[in-house]
Amino acid sequence: MIDIGNAYIYAKEIYEIKGKPAYAIVNKKSGAEIACVAWYPAWNRYVMFTDAPAVFDMGCMESVIKFIQGLGRCGYVTERVVVKKPAPPTASTEGGR
């Protein structure tokens, strides 16, 4: 189980595509695999796809996006990507006197 920072879903490695791991996105309550994050050679990047209709709210989508961003090109979880709000402008960044 790979914690992706969400109360409802997690990721687990399921197989490899062209030497890069693929991950199931799993519902924590039911255990159902609701999506797959896998390497897409035509685009040279990771993508998420589903075989059946699936419903994700913004929080779940954000968690999946951060998970994919953390995969990078190597395909293994290398970092947690945290989206931070920009700092408020200061006198020095506003060209203050």
N, C-alpha and C. Protein backbone atom coordinates (compact mmCIF):
# COMPACT_ATOMS: atom_id res chain seq x y z
N MET A 1 0.85 -1.18 0.00
CA MET A 1 0.00 0.00 0.00
C MET A 1 0.89 1.24 0.00
N ILE A 2 0.60 2.14 -0.90
CA ILE A 2 1.33 3.40 -0.98
C ILE A 2 0.36 4.52 -0.60
N ASP A 3 0.65 5.19 0.49
CA ASP A 3 -0.21 6.28 0.94
C ASP A 3 -0.01 7.46 -0.01
N ILE A 4 -1.10 7.94 -0.60
CA ILE A 4 -1.01 9.09 -1.49
C ILE A 4 -1.65 10.32 -0.87
N GLY A 5 -1.80 10.30 0.44
CA GLY A 5 -2.28 11.47 1.15
C GLY A 5 -3.77 11.71 1.04
N ASN A 6 -4.55 10.64 0.97
CA ASN A 6 -5.99 10.77 0.82
C ASN A 6 -6.68 9.77 1.75
N ALA A 7 -7.80 10.19 2.34
CA ALA A 7 -8.52 9.33 3.28
C ALA A 7 -9.28 8.20 2.59
N TYR A 8 -9.50 8.30 1.28
CA TYR A 8 -10.38 7.36 0.59
C TYR A 8 -9.69 6.42 -0.38
N ILE A 9 -8.51 6.78 -0.86
CA ILE A 9 -7.83 5.97 -1.87
C ILE A 9 -6.34 5.82 -1.53
N TYR A 10 -5.75 4.76 -2.08
CA TYR A 10 -4.31 4.57 -1.99
C TYR A 10 -3.84 3.93 -3.29
N ALA A 11 -2.53 3.84 -3.47
CA ALA A 11 -1.97 3.22 -4.67
C ALA A 11 -1.26 1.94 -4.28
N LYS A 12 -1.21 1.01 -5.23
CA LYS A 12 -0.40 -0.20 -5.03
C LYS A 12 0.19 -0.59 -6.38
N GLU A 13 1.45 -1.04 -6.33
CA GLU A 13 2.12 -1.45 -7.56
C GLU A 13 1.50 -2.76 -8.03
N ILE A 14 1.19 -2.83 -9.35
CA ILE A 14 0.52 -4.03 -9.85
C ILE A 14 1.30 -4.76 -10.94
N TYR A 15 2.00 -4.07 -11.81
CA TYR A 15 2.79 -4.71 -12.86
C TYR A 15 3.70 -3.68 -13.49
N GLU A 16 4.44 -4.07 -14.53
CA GLU A 16 5.33 -3.15 -15.23
C GLU A 16 4.96 -3.05 -16.69
N ILE A 17 5.16 -1.86 -17.25
CA ILE A 17 5.00 -1.62 -18.68
C ILE A 17 6.31 -1.02 -19.17
N LYS A 18 6.96 -1.70 -20.09
CA LYS A 18 8.25 -1.24 -20.63
C LYS A 18 9.24 -0.91 -19.53
N GLY A 19 9.27 -1.76 -18.51
CA GLY A 19 10.22 -1.60 -17.42
C GLY A 19 9.85 -0.55 -16.38
N LYS A 20 8.66 0.01 -16.50
CA LYS A 20 8.21 1.02 -15.53
C LYS A 20 6.99 0.48 -14.79
N PRO A 21 6.95 0.65 -13.47
CA PRO A 21 5.83 0.10 -12.70
C PRO A 21 4.51 0.80 -12.99
N ALA A 22 3.45 0.03 -12.91
CA ALA A 22 2.08 0.55 -13.01
C ALA A 22 1.45 0.40 -11.64
N TYR A 23 0.52 1.27 -11.33
CA TYR A 23 -0.10 1.30 -10.01
C TYR A 23 -1.61 1.30 -10.11
N ALA A 24 -2.26 0.52 -9.26
CA ALA A 24 -3.72 0.58 -9.15
C ALA A 24 -4.05 1.67 -8.14
N ILE A 25 -5.11 2.40 -8.40
CA ILE A 25 -5.67 3.33 -7.43
C ILE A 25 -6.82 2.57 -6.79
N VAL A 26 -6.75 2.38 -5.48
CA VAL A 26 -7.65 1.47 -4.78
C VAL A 26 -8.51 2.22 -3.77
N ASN A 27 -9.80 1.88 -3.75
CA ASN A 27 -10.74 2.41 -2.77
C ASN A 27 -10.43 1.76 -1.43
N LYS A 28 -10.13 2.57 -0.40
CA LYS A 28 -9.75 2.02 0.91
C LYS A 28 -10.89 1.24 1.55
N LYS A 29 -12.12 1.66 1.34
CA LYS A 29 -13.26 1.01 2.00
C LYS A 29 -13.60 -0.33 1.35
N SER A 30 -13.70 -0.35 0.02
CA SER A 30 -14.15 -1.57 -0.66
C SER A 30 -13.01 -2.45 -1.16
N GLY A 31 -11.82 -1.86 -1.31
CA GLY A 31 -10.70 -2.61 -1.88
C GLY A 31 -10.75 -2.71 -3.40
N ALA A 32 -11.73 -2.05 -4.02
CA ALA A 32 -11.86 -2.10 -5.48
C ALA A 32 -10.78 -1.27 -6.16
N GLU A 33 -10.22 -1.82 -7.22
CA GLU A 33 -9.26 -1.07 -8.04
C GLU A 33 -10.08 -0.20 -8.98
N ILE A 34 -10.03 1.12 -8.78
CA ILE A 34 -10.91 2.02 -9.53
C ILE A 34 -10.22 2.75 -10.67
N ALA A 35 -8.90 2.71 -10.69
CA ALA A 35 -8.16 3.36 -11.78
C ALA A 35 -6.76 2.76 -11.82
N CYS A 36 -6.03 3.13 -12.85
CA CYS A 36 -4.66 2.67 -13.01
C CYS A 36 -3.80 3.86 -13.42
N VAL A 37 -2.64 3.97 -12.80
CA VAL A 37 -1.63 4.96 -13.19
C VAL A 37 -0.52 4.15 -13.83
N ALA A 38 -0.25 4.41 -15.10
CA ALA A 38 0.73 3.61 -15.83
C ALA A 38 1.48 4.47 -16.83
N TRP A 39 2.66 3.99 -17.22
CA TRP A 39 3.47 4.65 -18.22
C TRP A 39 2.77 4.55 -19.57
N TYR A 40 2.68 5.68 -20.27
CA TYR A 40 2.05 5.71 -21.59
C TYR A 40 3.15 6.08 -22.59
N PRO A 41 3.72 5.07 -23.27
CA PRO A 41 4.89 5.30 -24.12
C PRO A 41 4.69 6.36 -25.20
N ALA A 42 3.49 6.45 -25.77
CA ALA A 42 3.25 7.42 -26.84
C ALA A 42 3.44 8.86 -26.35
N TRP A 43 3.15 9.11 -25.09
CA TRP A 43 3.30 10.46 -24.52
C TRP A 43 4.56 10.58 -23.67
N ASN A 44 5.26 9.46 -23.46
CA ASN A 44 6.48 9.43 -22.67
C ASN A 44 6.26 9.99 -21.26
N ARG A 45 5.15 9.57 -20.65
CA ARG A 45 4.83 10.03 -19.29
C ARG A 45 3.80 9.12 -18.65
N TYR A 46 3.60 9.31 -17.36
CA TYR A 46 2.56 8.57 -16.64
C TYR A 46 1.21 9.22 -16.87
N VAL A 47 0.17 8.39 -16.96
CA VAL A 47 -1.21 8.85 -17.11
C VAL A 47 -2.10 8.00 -16.20
N MET A 48 -3.30 8.47 -15.98
CA MET A 48 -4.30 7.70 -15.24
C MET A 48 -5.41 7.32 -16.21
N PHE A 49 -5.85 6.07 -16.12
CA PHE A 49 -6.99 5.66 -16.93
C PHE A 49 -7.86 4.70 -16.13
N THR A 50 -9.10 4.58 -16.59
CA THR A 50 -10.05 3.66 -15.94
C THR A 50 -10.63 2.74 -17.01
N ASP A 51 -10.99 1.54 -16.60
CA ASP A 51 -11.67 0.61 -17.51
C ASP A 51 -13.18 0.78 -17.44
N ALA A 52 -13.65 1.18 -16.29
CA ALA A 52 -15.09 1.38 -16.07
C ALA A 52 -15.30 2.80 -15.57
N PRO A 53 -16.52 3.29 -15.66
CA PRO A 53 -16.77 4.64 -15.13
C PRO A 53 -16.37 4.74 -13.66
N ALA A 54 -15.71 5.82 -13.33
CA ALA A 54 -15.29 6.07 -11.94
C ALA A 54 -15.53 7.54 -11.63
N VAL A 55 -15.88 7.82 -10.39
CA VAL A 55 -16.16 9.19 -9.98
C VAL A 55 -15.11 9.60 -8.95
N PHE A 56 -14.44 10.71 -9.21
CA PHE A 56 -13.43 11.26 -8.32
C PHE A 56 -13.82 12.69 -7.97
N ASP A 57 -13.72 13.04 -6.69
CA ASP A 57 -13.92 14.44 -6.34
C ASP A 57 -12.58 15.16 -6.49
N MET A 58 -12.59 16.48 -6.26
CA MET A 58 -11.37 17.26 -6.45
C MET A 58 -10.23 16.80 -5.54
N GLY A 59 -10.55 16.43 -4.30
CA GLY A 59 -9.52 15.98 -3.38
C GLY A 59 -8.83 14.71 -3.86
N CYS A 60 -9.63 13.76 -4.37
CA CYS A 60 -9.05 12.51 -4.88
C CYS A 60 -8.23 12.76 -6.14
N MET A 61 -8.73 13.62 -7.03
CA MET A 61 -7.98 13.93 -8.24
C MET A 61 -6.66 14.61 -7.89
N GLU A 62 -6.70 15.53 -6.93
CA GLU A 62 -5.49 16.21 -6.51
C GLU A 62 -4.46 15.21 -5.97
N SER A 63 -4.92 14.24 -5.19
CA SER A 63 -4.02 13.22 -4.64
C SER A 63 -3.39 12.39 -5.76
N VAL A 64 -4.19 12.02 -6.76
CA VAL A 64 -3.65 11.24 -7.88
C VAL A 64 -2.66 12.07 -8.68
N ILE A 65 -2.97 13.34 -8.91
CA ILE A 65 -2.05 14.21 -9.65
C ILE A 65 -0.73 14.35 -8.91
N LYS A 66 -0.78 14.58 -7.61
CA LYS A 66 0.46 14.70 -6.82
C LYS A 66 1.24 13.39 -6.85
N PHE A 67 0.54 12.26 -6.82
CA PHE A 67 1.20 10.96 -6.90
C PHE A 67 1.94 10.82 -8.22
N ILE A 68 1.27 11.16 -9.32
CA ILE A 68 1.90 11.07 -10.64
C ILE A 68 3.10 12.02 -10.72
N GLN A 69 2.95 13.23 -10.21
CA GLN A 69 4.07 14.18 -10.22
C GLN A 69 5.25 13.62 -9.43
N GLY A 70 4.98 12.92 -8.34
CA GLY A 70 6.03 12.35 -7.53
C GLY A 70 6.74 11.18 -8.19
N LEU A 71 6.10 10.56 -9.17
CA LEU A 71 6.72 9.44 -9.87
C LEU A 71 7.87 9.89 -10.75
N GLY A 72 7.72 11.02 -11.36
CA GLY A 72 8.76 11.50 -12.27
C GLY A 72 8.93 10.54 -13.43
N ARG A 73 10.09 10.52 -14.01
CA ARG A 73 10.36 9.68 -15.17
C ARG A 73 10.81 8.27 -14.77
N CYS A 74 11.30 8.10 -13.54
CA CYS A 74 11.82 6.79 -13.15
C CYS A 74 10.71 5.79 -12.87
N GLY A 75 9.53 6.29 -12.49
CA GLY A 75 8.42 5.40 -12.25
C GLY A 75 8.26 4.95 -10.82
N TYR A 76 9.20 5.29 -9.98
CA TYR A 76 9.10 4.92 -8.58
C TYR A 76 8.86 6.18 -7.76
N VAL A 77 8.16 6.01 -6.67
CA VAL A 77 7.85 7.16 -5.83
C VAL A 77 9.16 7.70 -5.28
N THR A 78 9.52 8.90 -5.73
CA THR A 78 10.79 9.48 -5.32
C THR A 78 10.61 10.65 -4.37
N GLU A 79 9.46 11.28 -4.40
CA GLU A 79 9.23 12.44 -3.57
C GLU A 79 7.74 12.67 -3.44
N ARG A 80 7.37 13.40 -2.45
CA ARG A 80 5.99 13.86 -2.31
C ARG A 80 5.95 15.27 -2.83
N VAL A 81 5.10 15.54 -3.77
CA VAL A 81 4.98 16.88 -4.31
C VAL A 81 3.93 17.62 -3.49
N VAL A 82 4.33 18.74 -2.93
CA VAL A 82 3.42 19.54 -2.13
C VAL A 82 3.21 20.86 -2.85
N VAL A 83 1.98 21.17 -3.14
CA VAL A 83 1.67 22.43 -3.80
C VAL A 83 1.49 23.48 -2.72
N LYS A 84 2.33 24.50 -2.78
CA LYS A 84 2.28 25.57 -1.79
C LYS A 84 1.72 26.83 -2.44
N LYS A 85 0.95 27.58 -1.66
CA LYS A 85 0.47 28.86 -2.14
C LYS A 85 1.65 29.83 -2.16
N PRO A 86 1.67 30.73 -3.15
CA PRO A 86 2.77 31.69 -3.17
C PRO A 86 2.74 32.59 -1.94
N ALA A 87 3.92 33.00 -1.50
CA ALA A 87 4.02 33.90 -0.35
C ALA A 87 3.44 35.25 -0.73
N PRO A 88 2.85 35.94 0.23
CA PRO A 88 2.32 37.27 -0.08
C PRO A 88 3.46 38.20 -0.46
N PRO A 89 3.19 39.17 -1.32
CA PRO A 89 4.25 40.07 -1.75
C PRO A 89 4.79 40.88 -0.57
N THR A 90 6.06 41.16 -0.62
CA THR A 90 6.70 41.98 0.40
C THR A 90 7.21 43.25 -0.26
N ALA A 91 7.69 44.18 0.53
CA ALA A 91 8.19 45.44 -0.02
C ALA A 91 9.33 45.19 -1.00
N SER A 92 10.17 44.18 -0.72
CA SER A 92 11.30 43.92 -1.62
C SER A 92 10.85 43.30 -2.94
N THR A 93 9.75 42.52 -2.94
CA THR A 93 9.28 41.92 -4.20
C THR A 93 8.36 42.84 -4.96
N GLU A 94 7.87 43.88 -4.33
CA GLU A 94 7.01 44.84 -5.01
C GLU A 94 7.79 46.04 -5.52
N GLY A 95 9.12 45.99 -5.37
CA GLY A 95 9.92 47.13 -5.79
C GLY A 95 9.82 48.28 -4.79
N GLY A 96 9.62 47.90 -3.51
CA GLY A 96 9.45 48.91 -2.46
C GLY A 96 10.68 49.76 -2.26
N ARG A 97 10.51 50.80 -1.47
CA ARG A 97 11.59 51.77 -1.27
C ARG A 97 12.31 51.54 0.00
